[in-house]
C-alpha cells in the first residue's frame, strides 16, 4: 500500500498475508478485529 514498509519475503502462506491485508480497518488504519501472527520463521 506504499504506506507501511515491510522487509522480508513470504515463501509460504501468501493467501494468509492477503487475508490480513483485506481486514476491515477503523481509525488510523487499525484493524477492527485483532490480527495475530502466531508463528513466523527467519530463514537465512
PDB file of N, CA and C in Angstrom:
ATOM      1  N   UNK A   1       0.818  -1.206   0.000  1.00  0.00           N
ATOM      2  CA  UNK A   1       0.000   0.000   0.000  1.00  0.00           C
ATOM      3  C   UNK A   1       0.856   1.262   0.000  1.00  0.00           C
ATOM      4  N   UNK A   2       2.151   1.123  -0.044  1.00  0.00           N
ATOM      5  CA  UNK A   2       3.108   2.235  -0.094  1.00  0.00           C
ATOM      6  C   UNK A   2       3.058   3.133   1.144  1.00  0.00           C
ATOM      7  N   UNK A   3       2.426   2.639   2.235  1.00  0.00           N
ATOM      8  CA  UNK A   3       2.358   3.409   3.472  1.00  0.00           C
ATOM      9  C   UNK A   3       3.021   2.685   4.630  1.00  0.00           C
ATOM     10  N   UNK A   4       3.080   1.355   4.565  1.00  0.00           N
ATOM     11  CA  UNK A   4       3.601   0.557   5.666  1.00  0.00           C
ATOM     12  C   UNK A   4       4.708  -0.349   5.142  1.00  0.00           C
ATOM     13  N   UNK A   5       5.974   0.100   5.198  1.00  0.00           N
ATOM     14  CA  UNK A   5       7.062  -0.717   4.648  1.00  0.00           C
ATOM     15  C   UNK A   5       7.277  -2.004   5.439  1.00  0.00           C
ATOM     16  N   UNK A   6       7.518  -3.066   4.711  1.00  0.00           N
ATOM     17  CA  UNK A   6       7.792  -4.371   5.307  1.00  0.00           C
ATOM     18  C   UNK A   6       9.016  -4.934   4.612  1.00  0.00           C
ATOM     19  N   UNK A   7       9.932  -5.479   5.388  1.00  0.00           N
ATOM     20  CA  UNK A   7      11.139  -6.056   4.824  1.00  0.00           C
ATOM     21  C   UNK A   7      11.113  -7.551   5.052  1.00  0.00           C
ATOM     22  N   UNK A   8      11.176  -8.317   4.003  1.00  0.00           N
ATOM     23  CA  UNK A   8      11.167  -9.764   4.114  1.00  0.00           C
ATOM     24  C   UNK A   8      10.586 -10.381   2.863  1.00  0.00           C
ATOM     25  N   UNK A   9      10.431 -11.686   2.905  1.00  0.00           N
ATOM     26  CA  UNK A   9       9.902 -12.424   1.769  1.00  0.00           C
ATOM     27  C   UNK A   9       8.987 -13.527   2.283  1.00  0.00           C
ATOM     28  N   UNK A  10       7.809 -13.600   1.736  1.00  0.00           N
ATOM     29  CA  UNK A  10       6.870 -14.667   2.088  1.00  0.00           C
ATOM     30  C   UNK A  10       7.179 -15.849   1.177  1.00  0.00           C
ATOM     31  N   UNK A  11       7.525 -16.996   1.778  1.00  0.00           N
ATOM     32  CA  UNK A  11       7.828 -18.186   0.981  1.00  0.00           C
ATOM     33  C   UNK A  11       6.682 -19.192   1.002  1.00  0.00           C
ATOM     34  N   UNK A  12       5.741 -19.033   1.917  1.00  0.00           N
ATOM     35  CA  UNK A  12       4.579 -19.910   2.003  1.00  0.00           C
ATOM     36  C   UNK A  12       3.482 -19.175   2.766  1.00  0.00           C
ATOM     37  N   UNK A  13       2.257 -19.316   2.339  1.00  0.00           N
ATOM     38  CA  UNK A  13       1.146 -18.709   3.062  1.00  0.00           C
ATOM     39  C   UNK A  13       0.752 -17.326   2.587  1.00  0.00           C
ATOM     40  N   UNK A  14       1.029 -17.016   1.314  1.00  0.00           N
ATOM     41  CA  UNK A  14       0.666 -15.697   0.801  1.00  0.00           C
ATOM     42  C   UNK A  14      -0.837 -15.458   0.885  1.00  0.00           C
ATOM     43  N   UNK A  15      -1.628 -16.525   0.859  1.00  0.00           N
ATOM     44  CA  UNK A  15      -3.078 -16.372   0.998  1.00  0.00           C
ATOM     45  C   UNK A  15      -3.436 -15.765   2.349  1.00  0.00           C
ATOM     46  N   UNK A  16      -2.663 -16.112   3.372  1.00  0.00           N
ATOM     47  CA  UNK A  16      -2.889 -15.561   4.712  1.00  0.00           C
ATOM     48  C   UNK A  16      -2.512 -14.084   4.732  1.00  0.00           C
ATOM     49  N   UNK A  17      -1.405 -13.737   4.092  1.00  0.00           N
ATOM     50  CA  UNK A  17      -0.977 -12.335   4.014  1.00  0.00           C
ATOM     51  C   UNK A  17      -2.052 -11.509   3.308  1.00  0.00           C
ATOM     52  N   UNK A  18      -2.589 -12.038   2.231  1.00  0.00           N
ATOM     53  CA  UNK A  18      -3.655 -11.326   1.509  1.00  0.00           C
ATOM     54  C   UNK A  18      -4.884 -11.130   2.392  1.00  0.00           C
ATOM     55  N   UNK A  19      -5.233 -12.148   3.164  1.00  0.00           N
ATOM     56  CA  UNK A  19      -6.395 -12.056   4.055  1.00  0.00           C
ATOM     57  C   UNK A  19      -6.167 -10.982   5.125  1.00  0.00           C
ATOM     58  N   UNK A  20      -4.960 -10.928   5.683  1.00  0.00           N
ATOM     59  CA  UNK A  20      -4.636  -9.891   6.668  1.00  0.00           C
ATOM     60  C   UNK A  20      -4.770  -8.513   6.025  1.00  0.00           C
ATOM     61  N   UNK A  21      -4.275  -8.388   4.798  1.00  0.00           N
ATOM     62  CA  UNK A  21      -4.334  -7.112   4.090  1.00  0.00           C
ATOM     63  C   UNK A  21      -5.744  -6.642   3.786  1.00  0.00           C
ATOM     64  N   UNK A  22      -6.690  -7.567   3.737  1.00  0.00           N
ATOM     65  CA  UNK A  22      -8.083  -7.224   3.439  1.00  0.00           C
ATOM     66  C   UNK A  22      -8.929  -7.001   4.692  1.00  0.00           C
ATOM     67  N   UNK A  23      -8.311  -7.089   5.862  1.00  0.00           N
ATOM     68  CA  UNK A  23      -9.048  -6.895   7.113  1.00  0.00           C
ATOM     69  C   UNK A  23      -9.641  -5.485   7.152  1.00  0.00           C
ATOM     70  N   UNK A  24     -10.879  -5.384   7.577  1.00  0.00           N
ATOM     71  CA  UNK A  24     -11.523  -4.073   7.698  1.00  0.00           C
ATOM     72  C   UNK A  24     -10.829  -3.281   8.794  1.00  0.00           C
ATOM     73  N   UNK A  25     -10.653  -1.987   8.536  1.00  0.00           N
ATOM     74  CA  UNK A  25      -9.941  -1.134   9.483  1.00  0.00           C
ATOM     75  C   UNK A  25     -10.799   0.047   9.911  1.00  0.00           C
ATOM     76  N   UNK A  26     -10.418   0.617  11.045  1.00  0.00           N
ATOM     77  CA  UNK A  26     -11.097   1.791  11.568  1.00  0.00           C
ATOM     78  C   UNK A  26     -10.156   2.982  11.543  1.00  0.00           C
ATOM     79  N   UNK A  27     -10.247   3.794  12.568  1.00  0.00           N
ATOM     80  CA  UNK A  27      -9.422   4.995  12.632  1.00  0.00           C
ATOM     81  C   UNK A  27      -7.943   4.634  12.660  1.00  0.00           C
ATOM     82  N   UNK A  28      -7.165   5.470  12.030  1.00  0.00           N
ATOM     83  CA  UNK A  28      -5.709   5.301  11.943  1.00  0.00           C
ATOM     84  C   UNK A  28      -5.325   3.956  11.316  1.00  0.00           C
ATOM     85  N   UNK A  29      -6.195   3.415  10.464  1.00  0.00           N
ATOM     86  CA  UNK A  29      -5.933   2.184   9.710  1.00  0.00           C
ATOM     87  C   UNK A  29      -5.727   0.966  10.603  1.00  0.00           C
ATOM     88  N   UNK A  30      -6.281   1.000  11.814  1.00  0.00           N
ATOM     89  CA  UNK A  30      -6.169  -0.119  12.756  1.00  0.00           C
ATOM     90  C   UNK A  30      -7.261  -1.144  12.454  1.00  0.00           C
ATOM     91  N   UNK A  31      -6.894  -2.443  12.367  1.00  0.00           N
ATOM     92  CA  UNK A  31      -7.918  -3.463  12.115  1.00  0.00           C
ATOM     93  C   UNK A  31      -9.019  -3.436  13.176  1.00  0.00           C
ATOM     94  N   UNK A  32     -10.272  -3.626  12.735  1.00  0.00           N
ATOM     95  CA  UNK A  32     -11.394  -3.636  13.668  1.00  0.00           C
ATOM     96  C   UNK A  32     -11.369  -4.886  14.539  1.00  0.00           C
ATOM     97  N   UNK A  33     -10.897  -5.999  13.978  1.00  0.00           N
ATOM     98  CA  UNK A  33     -10.717  -7.232  14.746  1.00  0.00           C
ATOM     99  C   UNK A  33      -9.222  -7.476  14.878  1.00  0.00           C
ATOM    100  N   UNK A  34      -8.797  -7.959  16.035  1.00  0.00           N
ATOM    101  CA  UNK A  34      -7.382  -8.203  16.292  1.00  0.00           C
ATOM    102  C   UNK A  34      -6.799  -9.184  15.270  1.00  0.00           C
ATOM    103  N   UNK A  35      -5.628  -8.847  14.732  1.00  0.00           N
ATOM    104  CA  UNK A  35      -4.903  -9.717  13.807  1.00  0.00           C
ATOM    105  C   UNK A  35      -3.642 -10.174  14.528  1.00  0.00           C
ATOM    106  N   UNK A  36      -3.462 -11.494  14.629  1.00  0.00           N
ATOM    107  CA  UNK A  36      -2.321 -12.047  15.357  1.00  0.00           C
ATOM    108  C   UNK A  36      -1.561 -13.006  14.449  1.00  0.00           C
ATOM    109  N   UNK A  37      -0.252 -12.813  14.341  1.00  0.00           N
ATOM    110  CA  UNK A  37       0.611 -13.765  13.644  1.00  0.00           C
ATOM    111  C   UNK A  37       1.126 -14.714  14.709  1.00  0.00           C
ATOM    112  N   UNK A  38       0.706 -15.972  14.635  1.00  0.00           N
ATOM    113  CA  UNK A  38       1.018 -16.954  15.672  1.00  0.00           C
ATOM    114  C   UNK A  38       2.422 -17.515  15.501  1.00  0.00           C
ATOM    115  N   UNK A  39       2.862 -17.677  14.252  1.00  0.00           N
ATOM    116  CA  UNK A  39       4.160 -18.303  14.024  1.00  0.00           C
ATOM    117  C   UNK A  39       4.839 -17.673  12.813  1.00  0.00           C
ATOM    118  N   UNK A  40       6.119 -17.372  12.951  1.00  0.00           N
ATOM    119  CA  UNK A  40       6.931 -16.859  11.850  1.00  0.00           C
ATOM    120  C   UNK A  40       8.332 -17.434  12.005  1.00  0.00           C
ATOM    121  N   UNK A  41       9.025 -17.579  10.904  1.00  0.00           N
ATOM    122  CA  UNK A  41      10.379 -18.131  10.937  1.00  0.00           C
ATOM    123  C   UNK A  41      11.338 -17.204  10.219  1.00  0.00           C
ATOM    124  N   UNK A  42      12.575 -17.188  10.684  1.00  0.00           N
ATOM    125  CA  UNK A  42      13.646 -16.485   9.998  1.00  0.00           C
ATOM    126  C   UNK A  42      14.460 -17.545   9.271  1.00  0.00           C
ATOM    127  N   UNK A  43      14.570 -17.403   7.969  1.00  0.00           N
ATOM    128  CA  UNK A  43      15.335 -18.346   7.158  1.00  0.00           C
ATOM    129  C   UNK A  43      16.525 -17.592   6.586  1.00  0.00           C
ATOM    130  N   UNK A  44      17.699 -18.104   6.844  1.00  0.00           N
ATOM    131  CA  UNK A  44      18.887 -17.417   6.308  1.00  0.00           C
ATOM    132  C   UNK A  44      19.717 -18.337   5.457  1.00  0.00           C
TER     133      UNK A  44
END
